[in-house]
Amino acid sequence: MNTLVIFTPLWSTASFGDPLDGLALEWAALGMHLDLCKGSHRQLFALRCLAQTLRGFVTAHLVTTLAAVSLLIGVGSLLF
């Protein structure tokens, strides 16, 4: 015998079945907050991007980077 079993969800939302009033206002407030945070940390973000780019270059070209650094140290020690 085939029986139809309907499972109820094991989760609930914060609205408890009510309509989502004010959702657009909350999204707008979140957008303004993220813009404010992004603007205040712009220099730190640029510095992190630069560090990540340099790290990627160094790890991809490890032997070449070590040779170039040792060459610069050698030339620097001869000149000074």
PDB file of N, CA and C in Angstrom:
ATOM      1  N   MET A   1       0.830  -1.168   0.000  1.00  0.00           N
ATOM      2  CA  MET A   1       0.000   0.000   0.000  1.00  0.00           C
ATOM      3  C   MET A   1       0.882   1.241   0.000  1.00  0.00           C
ATOM      4  N   ASN A   2       0.647   2.149  -0.907  1.00  0.00           N
ATOM      5  CA  ASN A   2       1.386   3.402  -1.000  1.00  0.00           C
ATOM      6  C   ASN A   2       0.672   4.471  -0.184  1.00  0.00           C
ATOM      7  N   THR A   3       1.400   5.079   0.715  1.00  0.00           N
ATOM      8  CA  THR A   3       0.817   6.170   1.492  1.00  0.00           C
ATOM      9  C   THR A   3       1.598   7.438   1.199  1.00  0.00           C
ATOM     10  N   LEU A   4       0.906   8.518   1.158  1.00  0.00           N
ATOM     11  CA  LEU A   4       1.505   9.823   0.916  1.00  0.00           C
ATOM     12  C   LEU A   4       1.891  10.434   2.260  1.00  0.00           C
ATOM     13  N   VAL A   5       3.190  10.680   2.431  1.00  0.00           N
ATOM     14  CA  VAL A   5       3.684  11.269   3.668  1.00  0.00           C
ATOM     15  C   VAL A   5       4.120  12.685   3.374  1.00  0.00           C
ATOM     16  N   ILE A   6       3.568  13.637   4.085  1.00  0.00           N
ATOM     17  CA  ILE A   6       3.923  15.048   3.911  1.00  0.00           C
ATOM     18  C   ILE A   6       4.689  15.482   5.152  1.00  0.00           C
ATOM     19  N   PHE A   7       5.923  15.881   4.923  1.00  0.00           N
ATOM     20  CA  PHE A   7       6.757  16.347   6.013  1.00  0.00           C
ATOM     21  C   PHE A   7       6.614  17.853   6.166  1.00  0.00           C
ATOM     22  N   THR A   8       6.485  18.296   7.380  1.00  0.00           N
ATOM     23  CA  THR A   8       6.486  19.733   7.632  1.00  0.00           C
ATOM     24  C   THR A   8       7.933  20.181   7.781  1.00  0.00           C
ATOM     25  N   PRO A   9       8.250  21.418   7.394  1.00  0.00           N
ATOM     26  CA  PRO A   9       9.637  21.865   7.509  1.00  0.00           C
ATOM     27  C   PRO A   9      10.073  21.922   8.970  1.00  0.00           C
ATOM     28  N   LEU A  10      11.348  21.665   9.180  1.00  0.00           N
ATOM     29  CA  LEU A  10      11.908  21.683  10.525  1.00  0.00           C
ATOM     30  C   LEU A  10      12.491  23.041  10.882  1.00  0.00           C
ATOM     31  N   TRP A  11      12.203  24.052  10.123  1.00  0.00           N
ATOM     32  CA  TRP A  11      12.730  25.382  10.351  1.00  0.00           C
ATOM     33  C   TRP A  11      11.582  26.367  10.391  1.00  0.00           C
ATOM     34  N   SER A  12      11.856  27.527  10.899  1.00  0.00           N
ATOM     35  CA  SER A  12      10.868  28.603  10.896  1.00  0.00           C
ATOM     36  C   SER A  12      11.587  29.905  10.589  1.00  0.00           C
ATOM     37  N   THR A  13      10.857  30.858  10.122  1.00  0.00           N
ATOM     38  CA  THR A  13      11.439  32.164   9.820  1.00  0.00           C
ATOM     39  C   THR A  13      11.184  33.109  10.984  1.00  0.00           C
ATOM     40  N   ALA A  14      11.865  34.217  10.953  1.00  0.00           N
ATOM     41  CA  ALA A  14      11.692  35.203  12.015  1.00  0.00           C
ATOM     42  C   ALA A  14      10.359  35.927  11.900  1.00  0.00           C
ATOM     43  N   SER A  15       9.700  35.818  10.747  1.00  0.00           N
ATOM     44  CA  SER A  15       8.427  36.516  10.583  1.00  0.00           C
ATOM     45  C   SER A  15       7.258  35.719  11.148  1.00  0.00           C
ATOM     46  N   PHE A  16       7.473  34.440  11.476  1.00  0.00           N
ATOM     47  CA  PHE A  16       6.441  33.583  12.069  1.00  0.00           C
ATOM     48  C   PHE A  16       5.169  33.560  11.234  1.00  0.00           C
ATOM     49  N   GLY A  17       5.327  33.506   9.916  1.00  0.00           N
ATOM     50  CA  GLY A  17       4.173  33.414   9.032  1.00  0.00           C
ATOM     51  C   GLY A  17       3.551  34.742   8.668  1.00  0.00           C
ATOM     52  N   ASP A  18       4.009  35.830   9.255  1.00  0.00           N
ATOM     53  CA  ASP A  18       3.472  37.150   8.929  1.00  0.00           C
ATOM     54  C   ASP A  18       4.123  37.658   7.658  1.00  0.00           C
ATOM     55  N   PRO A  19       3.503  38.629   6.975  1.00  0.00           N
ATOM     56  CA  PRO A  19       4.151  39.202   5.790  1.00  0.00           C
ATOM     57  C   PRO A  19       5.419  39.949   6.170  1.00  0.00           C
ATOM     58  N   LEU A  20       6.350  40.014   5.239  1.00  0.00           N
ATOM     59  CA  LEU A  20       7.652  40.630   5.501  1.00  0.00           C
ATOM     60  C   LEU A  20       7.570  42.142   5.301  1.00  0.00           C
ATOM     61  N   ASP A  21       7.030  42.827   6.271  1.00  0.00           N
ATOM     62  CA  ASP A  21       6.948  44.287   6.207  1.00  0.00           C
ATOM     63  C   ASP A  21       8.305  44.889   6.529  1.00  0.00           C
ATOM     64  N   GLY A  22       8.648  45.954   5.845  1.00  0.00           N
ATOM     65  CA  GLY A  22       9.877  46.673   6.139  1.00  0.00           C
ATOM     66  C   GLY A  22      11.120  46.043   5.563  1.00  0.00           C
ATOM     67  N   LEU A  23      10.992  45.020   4.763  1.00  0.00           N
ATOM     68  CA  LEU A  23      12.166  44.356   4.225  1.00  0.00           C
ATOM     69  C   LEU A  23      12.962  45.293   3.316  1.00  0.00           C
ATOM     70  N   ALA A  24      12.280  46.087   2.512  1.00  0.00           N
ATOM     71  CA  ALA A  24      12.981  47.018   1.625  1.00  0.00           C
ATOM     72  C   ALA A  24      13.774  48.042   2.433  1.00  0.00           C
ATOM     73  N   LEU A  25      13.223  48.500   3.535  1.00  0.00           N
ATOM     74  CA  LEU A  25      13.934  49.464   4.369  1.00  0.00           C
ATOM     75  C   LEU A  25      15.165  48.832   5.009  1.00  0.00           C
ATOM     76  N   GLU A  26      15.047  47.563   5.401  1.00  0.00           N
ATOM     77  CA  GLU A  26      16.200  46.894   5.991  1.00  0.00           C
ATOM     78  C   GLU A  26      17.308  46.700   4.966  1.00  0.00           C
ATOM     79  N   TRP A  27      16.944  46.355   3.731  1.00  0.00           N
ATOM     80  CA  TRP A  27      17.960  46.205   2.674  1.00  0.00           C
ATOM     81  C   TRP A  27      18.628  47.541   2.375  1.00  0.00           C
ATOM     82  N   ALA A  28      17.854  48.624   2.385  1.00  0.00           N
ATOM     83  CA  ALA A  28      18.432  49.943   2.138  1.00  0.00           C
ATOM     84  C   ALA A  28      19.395  50.324   3.261  1.00  0.00           C
ATOM     85  N   ALA A  29      19.008  50.043   4.497  1.00  0.00           N
ATOM     86  CA  ALA A  29      19.889  50.350   5.626  1.00  0.00           C
ATOM     87  C   ALA A  29      21.165  49.510   5.562  1.00  0.00           C
ATOM     88  N   LEU A  30      21.034  48.255   5.181  1.00  0.00           N
ATOM     89  CA  LEU A  30      22.213  47.408   5.044  1.00  0.00           C
ATOM     90  C   LEU A  30      23.126  47.927   3.937  1.00  0.00           C
ATOM     91  N   GLY A  31      22.547  48.344   2.820  1.00  0.00           N
ATOM     92  CA  GLY A  31      23.350  48.902   1.729  1.00  0.00           C
ATOM     93  C   GLY A  31      24.092  50.155   2.147  1.00  0.00           C
ATOM     94  N   MET A  32      23.425  51.032   2.889  1.00  0.00           N
ATOM     95  CA  MET A  32      24.093  52.248   3.360  1.00  0.00           C
ATOM     96  C   MET A  32      25.208  51.904   4.333  1.00  0.00           C
ATOM     97  N   HIS A  33      24.999  50.922   5.191  1.00  0.00           N
ATOM     98  CA  HIS A  33      26.031  50.507   6.137  1.00  0.00           C
ATOM     99  C   HIS A  33      27.245  49.935   5.413  1.00  0.00           C
ATOM    100  N   LEU A  34      27.010  49.091   4.415  1.00  0.00           N
ATOM    101  CA  LEU A  34      28.124  48.512   3.669  1.00  0.00           C
ATOM    102  C   LEU A  34      28.890  49.565   2.883  1.00  0.00           C
ATOM    103  N   ASP A  35      28.189  50.550   2.320  1.00  0.00           N
ATOM    104  CA  ASP A  35      28.878  51.649   1.634  1.00  0.00           C
ATOM    105  C   ASP A  35      29.740  52.444   2.601  1.00  0.00           C
ATOM    106  N   LEU A  36      29.230  52.677   3.793  1.00  0.00           N
ATOM    107  CA  LEU A  36      29.994  53.410   4.806  1.00  0.00           C
ATOM    108  C   LEU A  36      31.235  52.630   5.217  1.00  0.00           C
ATOM    109  N   CYS A  37      31.082  51.333   5.434  1.00  0.00           N
ATOM    110  CA  CYS A  37      32.228  50.507   5.819  1.00  0.00           C
ATOM    111  C   CYS A  37      33.255  50.422   4.695  1.00  0.00           C
ATOM    112  N   LYS A  38      32.780  50.283   3.474  1.00  0.00           N
ATOM    113  CA  LYS A  38      33.689  50.190   2.337  1.00  0.00           C
ATOM    114  C   LYS A  38      34.470  51.487   2.164  1.00  0.00           C
ATOM    115  N   GLY A  39      33.822  52.611   2.368  1.00  0.00           N
ATOM    116  CA  GLY A  39      34.500  53.888   2.227  1.00  0.00           C
ATOM    117  C   GLY A  39      35.528  54.137   3.310  1.00  0.00           C
ATOM    118  N   SER A  40      35.267  53.659   4.522  1.00  0.00           N
ATOM    119  CA  SER A  40      36.193  53.916   5.617  1.00  0.00           C
ATOM    120  C   SER A  40      37.405  52.995   5.593  1.00  0.00           C
ATOM    121  N   HIS A  41      37.323  51.875   4.913  1.00  0.00           N
ATOM    122  CA  HIS A  41      38.433  50.924   4.875  1.00  0.00           C
ATOM    123  C   HIS A  41      39.037  50.797   3.480  1.00  0.00           C
ATOM    124  N   ARG A  42      38.901  51.809   2.668  1.00  0.00           N
ATOM    125  CA  ARG A  42      39.364  51.735   1.280  1.00  0.00           C
ATOM    126  C   ARG A  42      40.886  51.563   1.194  1.00  0.00           C
ATOM    127  N   GLN A  43      41.652  52.310   2.014  1.00  0.00           N
ATOM    128  CA  GLN A  43      43.108  52.208   1.963  1.00  0.00           C
ATOM    129  C   GLN A  43      43.575  50.832   2.437  1.00  0.00           C
ATOM    130  N   LEU A  44      42.963  50.331   3.494  1.00  0.00           N
ATOM    131  CA  LEU A  44      43.331  49.009   4.004  1.00  0.00           C
ATOM    132  C   LEU A  44      43.013  47.931   2.973  1.00  0.00           C
ATOM    133  N   PHE A  45      41.895  48.071   2.274  1.00  0.00           N
ATOM    134  CA  PHE A  45      41.534  47.114   1.233  1.00  0.00           C
ATOM    135  C   PHE A  45      42.545  47.146   0.099  1.00  0.00           C
ATOM    136  N   ALA A  46      42.984  48.342  -0.296  1.00  0.00           N
ATOM    137  CA  ALA A  46      43.980  48.458  -1.361  1.00  0.00           C
ATOM    138  C   ALA A  46      45.304  47.841  -0.936  1.00  0.00           C
ATOM    139  N   LEU A  47      45.686  48.033   0.322  1.00  0.00           N
ATOM    140  CA  LEU A  47      46.921  47.449   0.832  1.00  0.00           C
ATOM    141  C   LEU A  47      46.844  45.923   0.860  1.00  0.00           C
ATOM    142  N   ARG A  48      45.690  45.396   1.257  1.00  0.00           N
ATOM    143  CA  ARG A  48      45.511  43.939   1.258  1.00  0.00           C
ATOM    144  C   ARG A  48      45.564  43.377  -0.161  1.00  0.00           C
ATOM    145  N   CYS A  49      44.976  44.083  -1.117  1.00  0.00           N
ATOM    146  CA  CYS A  49      45.020  43.627  -2.511  1.00  0.00           C
ATOM    147  C   CYS A  49      46.456  43.609  -3.022  1.00  0.00           C
ATOM    148  N   LEU A  50      47.218  44.637  -2.688  1.00  0.00           N
ATOM    149  CA  LEU A  50      48.617  44.688  -3.105  1.00  0.00           C
ATOM    150  C   LEU A  50      49.411  43.549  -2.476  1.00  0.00           C
ATOM    151  N   ALA A  51      49.201  43.307  -1.191  1.00  0.00           N
ATOM    152  CA  ALA A  51      49.910  42.218  -0.512  1.00  0.00           C
ATOM    153  C   ALA A  51      49.537  40.868  -1.108  1.00  0.00           C
ATOM    154  N   GLN A  52      48.276  40.678  -1.434  1.00  0.00           N
ATOM    155  CA  GLN A  52      47.846  39.422  -2.039  1.00  0.00           C
ATOM    156  C   GLN A  52      48.441  39.249  -3.431  1.00  0.00           C
ATOM    157  N   THR A  53      48.528  40.312  -4.201  1.00  0.00           N
ATOM    158  CA  THR A  53      49.128  40.245  -5.529  1.00  0.00           C
ATOM    159  C   THR A  53      50.609  39.917  -5.436  1.00  0.00           C
ATOM    160  N   LEU A  54      51.312  40.580  -4.521  1.00  0.00           N
ATOM    161  CA  LEU A  54      52.735  40.295  -4.349  1.00  0.00           C
ATOM    162  C   LEU A  54      52.968  38.869  -3.864  1.00  0.00           C
ATOM    163  N   ARG A  55      52.130  38.405  -2.957  1.00  0.00           N
ATOM    164  CA  ARG A  55      52.272  37.036  -2.469  1.00  0.00           C
ATOM    165  C   ARG A  55      52.041  36.029  -3.589  1.00  0.00           C
ATOM    166  N   GLY A  56      51.051  36.281  -4.414  1.00  0.00           N
ATOM    167  CA  GLY A  56      50.790  35.394  -5.546  1.00  0.00           C
ATOM    168  C   GLY A  56      51.945  35.376  -6.527  1.00  0.00           C
ATOM    169  N   PHE A  57      52.542  36.541  -6.778  1.00  0.00           N
ATOM    170  CA  PHE A  57      53.683  36.600  -7.696  1.00  0.00           C
ATOM    171  C   PHE A  57      54.881  35.862  -7.122  1.00  0.00           C
ATOM    172  N   VAL A  58      55.149  36.087  -5.843  1.00  0.00           N
ATOM    173  CA  VAL A  58      56.315  35.457  -5.218  1.00  0.00           C
ATOM    174  C   VAL A  58      56.155  33.943  -5.169  1.00  0.00           C
ATOM    175  N   THR A  59      54.972  33.470  -4.815  1.00  0.00           N
ATOM    176  CA  THR A  59      54.787  32.024  -4.746  1.00  0.00           C
ATOM    177  C   THR A  59      54.822  31.373  -6.116  1.00  0.00           C
ATOM    178  N   ALA A  60      54.393  32.076  -7.139  1.00  0.00           N
ATOM    179  CA  ALA A  60      54.417  31.508  -8.486  1.00  0.00           C
ATOM    180  C   ALA A  60      55.829  31.513  -9.063  1.00  0.00           C
ATOM    181  N   HIS A  61      56.639  32.478  -8.667  1.00  0.00           N
ATOM    182  CA  HIS A  61      57.989  32.619  -9.213  1.00  0.00           C
ATOM    183  C   HIS A  61      59.012  32.587  -8.083  1.00  0.00           C
ATOM    184  N   LEU A  62      58.962  31.561  -7.262  1.00  0.00           N
ATOM    185  CA  LEU A  62      59.783  31.509  -6.058  1.00  0.00           C
ATOM    186  C   LEU A  62      61.274  31.518  -6.375  1.00  0.00           C
ATOM    187  N   VAL A  63      61.717  30.682  -7.272  1.00  0.00           N
ATOM    188  CA  VAL A  63      63.147  30.585  -7.568  1.00  0.00           C
ATOM    189  C   VAL A  63      63.645  31.876  -8.219  1.00  0.00           C
ATOM    190  N   THR A  64      62.875  32.414  -9.130  1.00  0.00           N
ATOM    191  CA  THR A  64      63.268  33.662  -9.789  1.00  0.00           C
ATOM    192  C   THR A  64      63.310  34.810  -8.785  1.00  0.00           C
ATOM    193  N   THR A  65      62.340  34.854  -7.891  1.00  0.00           N
ATOM    194  CA  THR A  65      62.310  35.908  -6.879  1.00  0.00           C
ATOM    195  C   THR A  65      63.505  35.798  -5.944  1.00  0.00           C
ATOM    196  N   LEU A  66      63.832  34.582  -5.512  1.00  0.00           N
ATOM    197  CA  LEU A  66      64.999  34.401  -4.646  1.00  0.00           C
ATOM    198  C   LEU A  66      66.291  34.807  -5.350  1.00  0.00           C
ATOM    199  N   ALA A  67      66.415  34.474  -6.632  1.00  0.00           N
ATOM    200  CA  ALA A  67      67.604  34.866  -7.384  1.00  0.00           C
ATOM    201  C   ALA A  67      67.684  36.387  -7.511  1.00  0.00           C
ATOM    202  N   ALA A  68      66.559  37.037  -7.792  1.00  0.00           N
ATOM    203  CA  ALA A  68      66.556  38.497  -7.937  1.00  0.00           C
ATOM    204  C   ALA A  68      66.869  39.183  -6.607  1.00  0.00           C
ATOM    205  N   VAL A  69      66.314  38.679  -5.511  1.00  0.00           N
ATOM    206  CA  VAL A  69      66.582  39.276  -4.198  1.00  0.00           C
ATOM    207  C   VAL A  69      68.040  39.093  -3.815  1.00  0.00           C
ATOM    208  N   SER A  70      68.585  37.901  -4.044  1.00  0.00           N
ATOM    209  CA  SER A  70      69.997  37.684  -3.714  1.00  0.00           C
ATOM    210  C   SER A  70      70.910  38.532  -4.602  1.00  0.00           C
ATOM    211  N   LEU A  71      70.544  38.730  -5.848  1.00  0.00           N
ATOM    212  CA  LEU A  71      71.315  39.597  -6.735  1.00  0.00           C
ATOM    213  C   LEU A  71      71.286  41.037  -6.238  1.00  0.00           C
ATOM    214  N   LEU A  72      70.119  41.511  -5.836  1.00  0.00           N
ATOM    215  CA  LEU A  72      70.017  42.877  -5.305  1.00  0.00           C
ATOM    216  C   LEU A  72      70.811  43.039  -4.016  1.00  0.00           C
ATOM    217  N   ILE A  73      70.777  42.043  -3.157  1.00  0.00           N
ATOM    218  CA  ILE A  73      71.554  42.115  -1.917  1.00  0.00           C
ATOM    219  C   ILE A  73      73.037  42.111  -2.233  1.00  0.00           C
ATOM    220  N   GLY A  74      73.453  41.285  -3.177  1.00  0.00           N
ATOM    221  CA  GLY A  74      74.872  41.253  -3.565  1.00  0.00           C
ATOM    222  C   GLY A  74      75.345  42.556  -4.156  1.00  0.00           C
ATOM    223  N   VAL A  75      74.573  43.138  -5.054  1.00  0.00           N
ATOM    224  CA  VAL A  75      74.951  44.416  -5.669  1.00  0.00           C
ATOM    225  C   VAL A  75      74.928  45.526  -4.621  1.00  0.00           C
ATOM    226  N   GLY A  76      73.931  45.478  -3.731  1.00  0.00           N
ATOM    227  CA  GLY A  76      73.841  46.489  -2.674  1.00  0.00           C
ATOM    228  C   GLY A  76      75.029  46.416  -1.723  1.00  0.00           C
ATOM    229  N   SER A  77      75.477  45.214  -1.415  1.00  0.00           N
ATOM    230  CA  SER A  77      76.613  45.082  -0.509  1.00  0.00           C
ATOM    231  C   SER A  77      77.924  45.521  -1.171  1.00  0.00           C
ATOM    232  N   LEU A  78      78.049  45.391  -2.486  1.00  0.00           N
ATOM    233  CA  LEU A  78      79.231  45.849  -3.191  1.00  0.00           C
ATOM    234  C   LEU A  78      79.280  47.362  -3.292  1.00  0.00           C
ATOM    235  N   LEU A  79      78.124  47.989  -3.452  1.00  0.00           N
ATOM    236  CA  LEU A  79      78.080  49.437  -3.614  1.00  0.00           C
ATOM    237  C   LEU A  79      78.215  50.169  -2.286  1.00  0.00           C
ATOM    238  N   PHE A  80      77.723  49.597  -1.228  1.00  0.00           N
ATOM    239  CA  PHE A  80      77.746  50.310   0.061  1.00  0.00           C
ATOM    240  C   PHE A  80      78.654  49.634   0.971  1.00  0.00           C
TER     241      PHE A  80
END
